[in-house]
Amino acid sequence: MKLSEIKPNHYYSNAQYGNHWSVRQIIEESGENSPLNTVTYKIVAGKGRRKIGTCTRAEFADWAVYEVFRNENSWQKITQ
């Protein structure tokens, strides 16, 4: 993903299958002008559910394949 596509309170998937699949929500960001430019995320589905982590925006962009939204009982890819 592009760094500019990562936004607070949005959800992202790594598009993996099985035990490697995960959905993360950005819950906080340090801001583009911060020297570290980090994001804090919560794992909302998949392995590590309910855990919180922090990484650089670039690391998150490498992990995330696309943005998703909750559709009743499943996560759907956002298509534009």
Foldseek 3Di string as FASTA:
>chain_A
DDLVVQDAQFKFWQPDDDQVTWIKGFHDFPDPPDPQGKTKIATCDHPPHRDIDMDHSVVVVVRGDATWDDDPPDIDGDDD
